[in-house]
């Protein structure tokens, strides 16, 4: 059997970005912040508290931005 070569990607400890719908967010681990980009925040933002409880520790806080340039500023910190 041939084993496929896997490229080892360095793990990013500071933050990560998830894209697509409400999962469009950046996690800043050192700051304990999750930044969500929502072009039209309401009513989608109402789901954020349950997402935070499911996916992140209690001491993380959520931030919502409607400004794409602001979101990209955090996205490129990775």
Foldseek 3Di string as FASTA:
>chain_A
DDDDDDDDDDDDDQWAADDDDQSGWMAGPVVLEIETADLDCPPVVVCVVVVCVVPHDPPHYYHYDNDPVVRVVRNVVD
